Amino acid sequence: MNISHLVINSLVFSAVGIVILFIAYFIIEKITPENTWKKITQENNVAVAIVFAALIIGISMIISAAIHG
């Protein structure tokens, strides 16, 4: 394989992973009873930010494992 093919594959899989991560975030945002983005940004709720950071890391690890194979 040439290097351009590998770079294109990396970019495509990265974009797919980021899109899946955003979709998962918005699904979880809709499931939770509160507006978590408002709690994190406007009310500076550190506990909610830590929970969502852990959630994003966990989902990212699952997406990475699925893409890697």
Protein backbone atom coordinates (compact mmCIF):
# COMPACT_ATOMS: atom_id res chain seq x y z
CA MET A 1 0.00 0.00 0.00
CA ASN A 2 1.18 3.48 -0.70
CA ILE A 3 1.29 6.21 1.91
CA SER A 4 -1.52 8.30 0.40
CA HIS A 5 -3.93 5.36 0.69
CA LEU A 6 -3.04 4.94 4.36
CA VAL A 7 -3.46 8.65 5.07
CA ILE A 8 -6.85 8.75 3.36
CA ASN A 9 -8.00 5.71 5.33
CA SER A 10 -6.87 7.32 8.58
CA LEU A 11 -8.71 10.55 7.80
CA VAL A 12 -11.90 8.76 6.80
CA PHE A 13 -11.94 6.53 9.87
CA SER A 14 -11.15 9.51 12.12
CA ALA A 15 -14.05 11.47 10.64
CA VAL A 16 -16.41 8.50 11.04
CA GLY A 17 -15.31 8.07 14.65
CA ILE A 18 -15.85 11.74 15.46
CA VAL A 19 -19.31 11.70 13.86
CA ILE A 20 -20.28 8.60 15.83
CA LEU A 21 -18.99 10.24 19.03
CA PHE A 22 -21.13 13.35 18.44
CA ILE A 23 -24.18 11.21 17.68
CA ALA A 24 -23.65 9.25 20.91
CA TYR A 25 -23.26 12.50 22.87
CA PHE A 26 -26.50 13.95 21.49
CA ILE A 27 -28.37 10.71 22.22
CA ILE A 28 -27.16 10.77 25.81
CA GLU A 29 -27.97 14.49 26.04
CA LYS A 30 -31.55 13.71 25.03
CA ILE A 31 -31.84 10.82 27.50
CA THR A 32 -30.70 12.80 30.53
CA PRO A 33 -33.39 14.91 32.24
CA GLU A 34 -31.26 18.06 32.54
CA ASN A 35 -29.50 20.13 29.90
CA THR A 36 -25.99 18.95 30.68
CA TRP A 37 -24.25 21.37 28.32
CA LYS A 38 -25.90 24.28 30.19
CA LYS A 39 -24.92 22.75 33.54
CA ILE A 40 -21.29 22.42 32.44
CA THR A 41 -20.83 25.77 30.70
CA GLN A 42 -23.11 28.22 32.50
CA GLU A 43 -23.38 26.76 35.99
CA ASN A 44 -19.78 25.43 36.08
CA ASN A 45 -20.87 22.07 37.48
CA VAL A 46 -17.60 20.15 37.72
CA ALA A 47 -19.23 16.87 38.70
CA VAL A 48 -21.33 16.78 35.53
CA ALA A 49 -18.28 17.72 33.47
CA ILE A 50 -16.28 14.84 34.96
CA VAL A 51 -19.09 12.35 34.32
CA PHE A 52 -19.45 13.45 30.71
CA ALA A 53 -15.68 13.43 30.19
CA ALA A 54 -15.58 9.84 31.41
CA LEU A 55 -18.51 9.01 29.16
CA ILE A 56 -16.82 10.54 26.11
CA ILE A 57 -13.57 8.69 26.86
CA GLY A 58 -15.46 5.42 27.24
CA ILE A 59 -17.39 5.86 24.00
CA SER A 60 -14.18 6.89 22.22
CA MET A 61 -12.46 3.71 23.38
CA ILE A 62 -15.36 1.60 22.08
CA ILE A 63 -15.33 3.40 18.71
CA SER A 64 -11.56 3.04 18.47
CA ALA A 65 -11.73 -0.69 19.15
CA ALA A 66 -14.53 -1.10 16.60
CA ILE A 67 -12.61 0.78 13.91
CA HIS A 68 -9.30 -0.95 14.68
CA GLY A 69 -10.89 -4.38 14.51
